[in-house]
N, C-alpha and C. Protein backbone atom coordinates (compact mmCIF):
# COMPACT_ATOMS: atom_id res chain seq x y z
N MET A 1 26.31 6.61 35.82
CA MET A 1 25.79 6.13 34.54
C MET A 1 26.16 7.13 33.45
N PRO A 2 26.85 6.70 32.40
CA PRO A 2 27.23 7.64 31.33
C PRO A 2 26.02 8.09 30.51
N VAL A 3 26.15 9.25 29.90
CA VAL A 3 25.13 9.75 28.99
C VAL A 3 25.19 8.89 27.73
N LEU A 4 24.02 8.48 27.24
CA LEU A 4 23.93 7.64 26.05
C LEU A 4 23.46 8.48 24.86
N SER A 5 24.06 8.22 23.72
CA SER A 5 23.71 8.91 22.49
C SER A 5 23.73 7.88 21.37
N ALA A 6 22.94 8.13 20.32
CA ALA A 6 22.92 7.22 19.18
C ALA A 6 22.91 8.04 17.90
N GLY A 7 23.61 7.54 16.89
CA GLY A 7 23.72 8.29 15.65
C GLY A 7 23.75 7.41 14.41
N ILE A 8 23.58 8.09 13.29
CA ILE A 8 23.59 7.45 11.97
C ILE A 8 24.76 7.99 11.17
N LEU A 9 25.56 7.10 10.61
CA LEU A 9 26.62 7.49 9.69
C LEU A 9 26.31 6.90 8.32
N LEU A 10 25.89 7.77 7.41
CA LEU A 10 25.64 7.33 6.04
C LEU A 10 26.95 7.42 5.26
N TYR A 11 27.14 6.47 4.35
CA TYR A 11 28.33 6.51 3.51
C TYR A 11 27.94 6.12 2.10
N ARG A 12 28.80 6.53 1.17
CA ARG A 12 28.64 6.12 -0.23
C ARG A 12 30.03 5.98 -0.82
N ARG A 13 30.10 5.15 -1.82
CA ARG A 13 31.37 4.91 -2.50
C ARG A 13 31.47 5.91 -3.65
N ALA A 14 32.61 6.56 -3.72
CA ALA A 14 32.83 7.59 -4.74
C ALA A 14 33.86 7.08 -5.73
N ASP A 15 33.76 7.54 -6.96
CA ASP A 15 34.73 7.14 -7.98
C ASP A 15 35.98 7.99 -7.85
N PRO A 16 37.14 7.46 -8.06
CA PRO A 16 37.46 6.04 -8.21
C PRO A 16 37.85 5.44 -6.86
N GLY A 17 37.07 4.54 -6.37
CA GLY A 17 37.39 3.78 -5.17
C GLY A 17 37.41 4.54 -3.87
N GLY A 18 36.86 5.73 -3.84
CA GLY A 18 36.87 6.51 -2.61
C GLY A 18 35.65 6.24 -1.75
N LEU A 19 35.64 6.84 -0.61
CA LEU A 19 34.56 6.70 0.35
C LEU A 19 34.16 8.10 0.81
N GLU A 20 32.85 8.37 0.83
CA GLU A 20 32.35 9.64 1.34
C GLU A 20 31.39 9.36 2.49
N VAL A 21 31.37 10.29 3.46
CA VAL A 21 30.47 10.17 4.60
C VAL A 21 29.64 11.43 4.75
N TRP A 22 28.44 11.27 5.29
CA TRP A 22 27.50 12.37 5.52
C TRP A 22 27.68 12.84 6.96
N ILE A 23 28.17 14.07 7.15
CA ILE A 23 28.35 14.61 8.48
C ILE A 23 27.75 16.01 8.56
N ALA A 24 27.59 16.50 9.78
CA ALA A 24 26.87 17.75 10.01
C ALA A 24 27.71 18.72 10.84
N HIS A 25 27.62 20.00 10.49
CA HIS A 25 28.28 21.06 11.25
C HIS A 25 27.39 21.46 12.42
N MET A 26 27.97 21.50 13.60
CA MET A 26 27.20 21.82 14.79
C MET A 26 26.82 23.30 14.80
N GLY A 27 25.60 23.59 15.22
CA GLY A 27 25.08 24.94 15.23
C GLY A 27 25.36 25.66 16.54
N GLY A 28 25.02 26.92 16.56
CA GLY A 28 25.19 27.74 17.75
C GLY A 28 26.42 28.60 17.68
N PRO A 29 26.51 29.58 18.56
CA PRO A 29 27.60 30.56 18.49
C PRO A 29 28.99 29.98 18.75
N PHE A 30 29.09 28.94 19.56
CA PHE A 30 30.42 28.37 19.85
C PHE A 30 31.06 27.80 18.59
N TRP A 31 30.25 27.20 17.72
CA TRP A 31 30.77 26.52 16.52
C TRP A 31 30.72 27.39 15.27
N ALA A 32 30.13 28.56 15.35
CA ALA A 32 29.82 29.38 14.17
C ALA A 32 31.01 29.65 13.26
N ARG A 33 32.15 29.94 13.80
CA ARG A 33 33.31 30.29 12.97
C ARG A 33 34.37 29.19 12.95
N LYS A 34 33.95 27.99 13.32
CA LYS A 34 34.88 26.87 13.36
C LYS A 34 34.52 25.88 12.25
N ASP A 35 35.54 25.26 11.71
CA ASP A 35 35.33 24.23 10.69
C ASP A 35 36.08 22.95 11.08
N ALA A 36 37.36 23.08 11.37
CA ALA A 36 38.15 21.91 11.76
C ALA A 36 37.62 21.36 13.09
N HIS A 37 37.32 20.09 13.10
CA HIS A 37 36.83 19.38 14.29
C HIS A 37 35.57 20.02 14.87
N ALA A 38 34.70 20.54 13.99
CA ALA A 38 33.44 21.16 14.40
C ALA A 38 32.24 20.46 13.76
N TRP A 39 32.45 19.28 13.21
CA TRP A 39 31.41 18.51 12.55
C TRP A 39 31.18 17.23 13.34
N SER A 40 30.03 16.62 13.14
CA SER A 40 29.64 15.44 13.90
C SER A 40 28.76 14.54 13.04
N ILE A 41 28.69 13.29 13.41
CA ILE A 41 27.66 12.45 12.80
C ILE A 41 26.33 12.92 13.38
N PRO A 42 25.24 12.84 12.64
CA PRO A 42 23.93 13.19 13.20
C PRO A 42 23.60 12.22 14.34
N LYS A 43 23.38 12.77 15.53
CA LYS A 43 23.18 11.93 16.71
C LYS A 43 22.44 12.70 17.78
N GLY A 44 22.04 12.00 18.81
CA GLY A 44 21.40 12.64 19.95
C GLY A 44 21.25 11.67 21.10
N GLU A 45 20.93 12.24 22.25
CA GLU A 45 20.82 11.45 23.47
C GLU A 45 19.53 10.63 23.51
N TYR A 46 19.60 9.55 24.27
CA TYR A 46 18.42 8.72 24.52
C TYR A 46 18.52 8.17 25.92
N THR A 47 17.41 7.64 26.40
CA THR A 47 17.38 7.12 27.76
C THR A 47 17.69 5.63 27.76
N ASP A 48 18.25 5.18 28.87
CA ASP A 48 18.55 3.76 29.04
C ASP A 48 17.23 2.99 28.92
N GLY A 49 17.23 1.94 28.15
CA GLY A 49 16.02 1.16 27.91
C GLY A 49 15.40 1.47 26.56
N GLU A 50 15.71 2.61 25.98
CA GLU A 50 15.22 2.93 24.64
C GLU A 50 16.08 2.21 23.61
N GLU A 51 15.48 1.76 22.54
CA GLU A 51 16.21 1.07 21.48
C GLU A 51 17.14 2.07 20.78
N PRO A 52 18.46 1.83 20.77
CA PRO A 52 19.40 2.79 20.18
C PRO A 52 19.14 3.12 18.71
N LEU A 53 18.77 2.12 17.89
CA LEU A 53 18.53 2.41 16.47
C LEU A 53 17.31 3.33 16.33
N ARG A 54 16.28 3.08 17.09
CA ARG A 54 15.10 3.96 17.04
C ARG A 54 15.50 5.39 17.42
N ALA A 55 16.31 5.54 18.46
CA ALA A 55 16.77 6.86 18.89
C ALA A 55 17.62 7.52 17.80
N ALA A 56 18.50 6.74 17.18
CA ALA A 56 19.37 7.28 16.13
C ALA A 56 18.54 7.79 14.95
N LEU A 57 17.53 7.03 14.56
CA LEU A 57 16.67 7.44 13.45
C LEU A 57 15.88 8.70 13.81
N ARG A 58 15.38 8.77 15.02
CA ARG A 58 14.65 9.96 15.49
C ARG A 58 15.55 11.19 15.47
N GLU A 59 16.74 11.04 16.02
CA GLU A 59 17.66 12.17 16.10
C GLU A 59 18.12 12.63 14.72
N PHE A 60 18.33 11.70 13.82
CA PHE A 60 18.70 12.05 12.45
C PHE A 60 17.61 12.92 11.84
N ALA A 61 16.35 12.49 11.98
CA ALA A 61 15.22 13.25 11.41
C ALA A 61 15.12 14.64 12.04
N GLU A 62 15.34 14.73 13.35
CA GLU A 62 15.27 16.04 14.01
C GLU A 62 16.37 16.97 13.53
N GLU A 63 17.56 16.44 13.34
CA GLU A 63 18.69 17.29 12.96
C GLU A 63 18.73 17.61 11.47
N MET A 64 18.22 16.72 10.64
CA MET A 64 18.25 16.96 9.19
C MET A 64 16.96 17.59 8.67
N GLY A 65 15.87 17.40 9.40
CA GLY A 65 14.59 17.90 8.93
C GLY A 65 13.95 16.96 7.92
N THR A 66 14.51 15.79 7.76
CA THR A 66 13.96 14.75 6.89
C THR A 66 14.38 13.40 7.47
N ALA A 67 13.57 12.41 7.24
CA ALA A 67 13.85 11.09 7.80
C ALA A 67 15.12 10.49 7.21
N ALA A 68 15.77 9.68 8.00
CA ALA A 68 16.90 8.91 7.49
C ALA A 68 16.38 7.96 6.42
N PRO A 69 17.19 7.69 5.41
CA PRO A 69 16.71 6.79 4.36
C PRO A 69 16.45 5.38 4.88
N ALA A 70 15.47 4.73 4.27
CA ALA A 70 15.21 3.34 4.60
C ALA A 70 16.43 2.53 4.16
N ALA A 71 16.98 1.77 5.08
CA ALA A 71 18.21 1.04 4.78
C ALA A 71 18.38 -0.11 5.76
N ASP A 72 19.32 -0.97 5.46
CA ASP A 72 19.71 -2.05 6.35
C ASP A 72 20.87 -1.51 7.19
N TYR A 73 20.57 -0.95 8.35
CA TYR A 73 21.59 -0.32 9.18
C TYR A 73 22.40 -1.36 9.95
N THR A 74 23.70 -1.16 9.97
CA THR A 74 24.63 -2.03 10.69
C THR A 74 25.15 -1.29 11.91
N ARG A 75 25.15 -1.94 13.03
CA ARG A 75 25.69 -1.33 14.25
C ARG A 75 27.21 -1.38 14.18
N LEU A 76 27.84 -0.19 14.08
CA LEU A 76 29.30 -0.12 14.01
C LEU A 76 29.93 -0.34 15.37
N GLY A 77 29.23 0.06 16.41
CA GLY A 77 29.76 -0.12 17.76
C GLY A 77 29.38 1.01 18.68
N ASP A 78 29.92 0.93 19.90
CA ASP A 78 29.72 1.94 20.93
C ASP A 78 31.06 2.65 21.12
N PHE A 79 31.02 3.97 21.11
CA PHE A 79 32.25 4.77 21.13
C PHE A 79 32.20 5.76 22.29
N ARG A 80 33.15 5.60 23.22
CA ARG A 80 33.22 6.50 24.37
C ARG A 80 33.90 7.81 23.93
N GLN A 81 33.24 8.91 24.24
CA GLN A 81 33.75 10.23 23.91
C GLN A 81 34.60 10.77 25.06
N PRO A 82 35.44 11.78 24.79
CA PRO A 82 36.25 12.36 25.88
C PRO A 82 35.40 12.85 27.06
N SER A 83 34.16 13.25 26.81
CA SER A 83 33.26 13.70 27.88
C SER A 83 32.74 12.55 28.73
N GLY A 84 32.93 11.31 28.27
CA GLY A 84 32.40 10.14 28.94
C GLY A 84 31.12 9.63 28.29
N LYS A 85 30.50 10.46 27.44
CA LYS A 85 29.29 10.05 26.72
C LYS A 85 29.62 8.85 25.84
N ILE A 86 28.66 7.94 25.71
CA ILE A 86 28.84 6.77 24.84
C ILE A 86 27.88 6.91 23.66
N ILE A 87 28.44 6.89 22.44
CA ILE A 87 27.64 7.00 21.22
C ILE A 87 27.57 5.62 20.56
N THR A 88 26.35 5.16 20.34
CA THR A 88 26.12 3.95 19.57
C THR A 88 25.86 4.39 18.14
N VAL A 89 26.66 3.89 17.20
CA VAL A 89 26.60 4.35 15.82
C VAL A 89 26.15 3.23 14.89
N PHE A 90 25.22 3.60 14.01
CA PHE A 90 24.70 2.70 12.98
C PHE A 90 25.09 3.28 11.63
N ALA A 91 25.50 2.42 10.70
CA ALA A 91 25.93 2.87 9.38
C ALA A 91 25.11 2.19 8.30
N ALA A 92 24.99 2.91 7.17
CA ALA A 92 24.32 2.33 6.00
C ALA A 92 24.87 3.01 4.76
N GLU A 93 24.96 2.23 3.69
CA GLU A 93 25.38 2.78 2.41
C GLU A 93 24.15 3.33 1.70
N GLN A 94 24.14 4.63 1.50
CA GLN A 94 23.01 5.33 0.88
C GLN A 94 23.51 6.57 0.17
N ASP A 95 22.84 6.97 -0.88
CA ASP A 95 23.16 8.22 -1.56
C ASP A 95 22.10 9.25 -1.16
N PHE A 96 22.19 9.70 0.07
CA PHE A 96 21.22 10.62 0.67
C PHE A 96 21.37 12.00 0.03
N ARG A 97 20.26 12.55 -0.46
CA ARG A 97 20.26 13.87 -1.10
C ARG A 97 19.01 14.65 -0.70
N PRO A 98 18.99 15.19 0.52
CA PRO A 98 17.81 15.95 0.93
C PRO A 98 17.72 17.26 0.15
N GLU A 99 16.50 17.77 -0.02
CA GLU A 99 16.33 19.04 -0.71
C GLU A 99 16.92 20.18 0.10
N ARG A 100 16.80 20.09 1.43
CA ARG A 100 17.38 21.11 2.30
C ARG A 100 17.52 20.54 3.70
N ILE A 101 18.30 21.22 4.52
CA ILE A 101 18.51 20.83 5.91
C ILE A 101 17.75 21.82 6.79
N VAL A 102 16.86 21.29 7.63
CA VAL A 102 16.10 22.13 8.55
C VAL A 102 16.17 21.47 9.92
N SER A 103 17.12 21.91 10.72
CA SER A 103 17.36 21.31 12.02
C SER A 103 16.41 21.86 13.08
N ASN A 104 16.19 21.04 14.11
CA ASN A 104 15.50 21.55 15.28
C ASN A 104 16.41 22.56 15.97
N THR A 105 15.88 23.32 16.92
CA THR A 105 16.67 24.37 17.57
C THR A 105 16.79 24.10 19.07
N PHE A 106 17.71 24.84 19.69
CA PHE A 106 17.88 24.77 21.14
C PHE A 106 18.02 26.19 21.68
N PRO A 107 17.53 26.44 22.90
CA PRO A 107 17.66 27.78 23.49
C PRO A 107 19.02 27.93 24.18
N LEU A 108 19.57 29.13 24.11
CA LEU A 108 20.86 29.40 24.74
C LEU A 108 20.93 30.88 25.11
N GLU A 109 21.39 31.14 26.31
CA GLU A 109 21.62 32.53 26.69
C GLU A 109 22.88 33.01 25.95
N TRP A 110 22.69 34.02 25.08
CA TRP A 110 23.81 34.53 24.30
C TRP A 110 23.62 36.00 24.02
N PRO A 111 24.64 36.79 24.24
CA PRO A 111 25.91 36.43 24.87
C PRO A 111 25.71 35.97 26.32
N LYS A 112 26.63 35.13 26.77
CA LYS A 112 26.56 34.57 28.11
C LYS A 112 26.51 35.70 29.14
N GLY A 113 25.58 35.56 30.06
CA GLY A 113 25.43 36.57 31.10
C GLY A 113 24.55 37.74 30.72
N SER A 114 24.06 37.75 29.47
CA SER A 114 23.24 38.87 28.99
C SER A 114 21.79 38.77 29.41
N GLY A 115 21.34 37.57 29.80
CA GLY A 115 19.93 37.36 30.11
C GLY A 115 19.07 37.21 28.86
N ARG A 116 19.68 37.28 27.70
CA ARG A 116 18.96 37.17 26.43
C ARG A 116 19.00 35.73 25.93
N ILE A 117 17.84 35.11 25.79
CA ILE A 117 17.76 33.73 25.30
C ILE A 117 17.50 33.77 23.79
N GLN A 118 18.36 33.10 23.06
CA GLN A 118 18.21 33.00 21.61
C GLN A 118 18.10 31.52 21.25
N HIS A 119 17.51 31.26 20.10
CA HIS A 119 17.36 29.88 19.63
C HIS A 119 18.27 29.66 18.44
N TYR A 120 19.01 28.54 18.47
CA TYR A 120 19.97 28.20 17.43
C TYR A 120 19.67 26.81 16.89
N PRO A 121 19.95 26.58 15.60
CA PRO A 121 19.78 25.22 15.07
C PRO A 121 20.85 24.30 15.65
N GLU A 122 20.46 23.06 15.94
CA GLU A 122 21.46 22.09 16.41
C GLU A 122 22.50 21.83 15.33
N ILE A 123 22.05 21.85 14.08
CA ILE A 123 22.91 21.62 12.92
C ILE A 123 22.69 22.79 11.96
N ASP A 124 23.78 23.40 11.50
CA ASP A 124 23.59 24.51 10.55
C ASP A 124 24.06 24.17 9.13
N ASP A 125 24.61 22.98 8.94
CA ASP A 125 25.04 22.53 7.62
C ASP A 125 25.26 21.02 7.69
N ALA A 126 25.08 20.34 6.60
CA ALA A 126 25.38 18.91 6.52
C ALA A 126 25.64 18.59 5.07
N ARG A 127 26.62 17.72 4.83
CA ARG A 127 26.95 17.34 3.46
C ARG A 127 27.91 16.17 3.43
N TRP A 128 28.18 15.74 2.19
CA TRP A 128 29.10 14.64 1.95
C TRP A 128 30.53 15.15 1.93
N PHE A 129 31.43 14.38 2.55
CA PHE A 129 32.86 14.66 2.50
C PHE A 129 33.61 13.38 2.21
N PRO A 130 34.70 13.48 1.42
CA PRO A 130 35.58 12.32 1.27
C PRO A 130 36.12 11.94 2.66
N GLU A 131 36.28 10.67 2.89
CA GLU A 131 36.71 10.19 4.21
C GLU A 131 37.97 10.89 4.74
N PRO A 132 39.02 11.11 3.93
CA PRO A 132 40.19 11.81 4.48
C PRO A 132 39.86 13.24 4.95
N GLU A 133 39.00 13.94 4.22
CA GLU A 133 38.62 15.30 4.62
C GLU A 133 37.72 15.26 5.86
N ALA A 134 36.87 14.26 5.95
CA ALA A 134 36.00 14.12 7.12
C ALA A 134 36.83 13.97 8.39
N ARG A 135 37.99 13.35 8.29
CA ARG A 135 38.88 13.19 9.46
C ARG A 135 39.36 14.54 9.99
N LEU A 136 39.44 15.55 9.13
CA LEU A 136 39.84 16.88 9.55
C LEU A 136 38.67 17.69 10.10
N LYS A 137 37.46 17.28 9.77
CA LYS A 137 36.27 18.03 10.16
C LYS A 137 35.58 17.47 11.41
N LEU A 138 35.55 16.16 11.54
CA LEU A 138 34.86 15.55 12.68
C LEU A 138 35.53 15.92 14.01
N VAL A 139 34.70 16.05 15.05
CA VAL A 139 35.28 16.22 16.37
C VAL A 139 36.17 15.01 16.63
N LYS A 140 37.27 15.24 17.32
CA LYS A 140 38.30 14.20 17.46
C LYS A 140 37.77 12.92 18.11
N GLY A 141 36.82 13.05 19.02
CA GLY A 141 36.28 11.87 19.69
C GLY A 141 35.52 10.93 18.78
N GLN A 142 35.14 11.42 17.58
CA GLN A 142 34.39 10.57 16.64
C GLN A 142 35.28 9.97 15.56
N LEU A 143 36.56 10.24 15.56
CA LEU A 143 37.44 9.64 14.56
C LEU A 143 37.45 8.10 14.63
N PRO A 144 37.35 7.49 15.81
CA PRO A 144 37.26 6.03 15.84
C PRO A 144 36.03 5.48 15.10
N VAL A 145 35.00 6.29 14.95
CA VAL A 145 33.82 5.85 14.18
C VAL A 145 34.22 5.65 12.72
N LEU A 146 35.00 6.58 12.19
CA LEU A 146 35.47 6.43 10.80
C LEU A 146 36.36 5.20 10.65
N ASP A 147 37.23 4.98 11.64
CA ASP A 147 38.08 3.78 11.60
C ASP A 147 37.22 2.52 11.54
N ALA A 148 36.18 2.49 12.35
CA ALA A 148 35.29 1.32 12.38
C ALA A 148 34.56 1.16 11.04
N LEU A 149 34.17 2.27 10.44
CA LEU A 149 33.49 2.20 9.14
C LEU A 149 34.43 1.64 8.08
N VAL A 150 35.66 2.13 8.06
CA VAL A 150 36.64 1.65 7.07
C VAL A 150 36.88 0.15 7.26
N LEU A 151 36.98 -0.29 8.49
CA LEU A 151 37.15 -1.73 8.74
C LEU A 151 35.92 -2.51 8.30
N HIS A 152 34.75 -1.98 8.57
CA HIS A 152 33.50 -2.62 8.19
C HIS A 152 33.41 -2.79 6.67
N ILE A 153 33.73 -1.72 5.96
CA ILE A 153 33.67 -1.78 4.49
C ILE A 153 34.74 -2.71 3.95
N GLY A 154 35.92 -2.66 4.55
CA GLY A 154 37.01 -3.53 4.12
C GLY A 154 36.70 -5.00 4.34
N ALA A 155 35.84 -5.27 5.32
CA ALA A 155 35.46 -6.65 5.61
C ALA A 155 34.39 -7.16 4.63
N GLY A 156 34.03 -6.28 3.68
CA GLY A 156 33.10 -6.71 2.65
C GLY A 156 31.65 -6.35 2.93
N SER A 157 31.43 -5.53 3.95
CA SER A 157 30.07 -5.15 4.38
C SER A 157 29.09 -6.05 3.80
């Protein structure tokens, strides 16, 4: 059984005729000095039987420190990642502007083998990027999500 994950991809239309998406930089020491392909849509795992949209909204709130905006979310699809994980992604057009980002944390032994457990934010930054720039920042396995969003918007959302 593959690991299931659900996420929210917020987008807004930028002048002139551009598209921007809200993505997040992954936290922790592995990602600390990386930018290219070190960003992700806000997402998290859920159990089989749990409603994916509910899980996506919960995970968004945990990673951003504020609830996802009230919106009419559209299911973009299910996207298999190189790890085998399947991400169900929901999108909505919103001009999200949180006052600050306060992510939940996770424990990690760092440096590895040191026996020292430290806590790191799951997300250490999040912001709007033009869609072409987001393609350089998102982990490669999530690029099909952007393709699906562009098709969705082109279809007249």
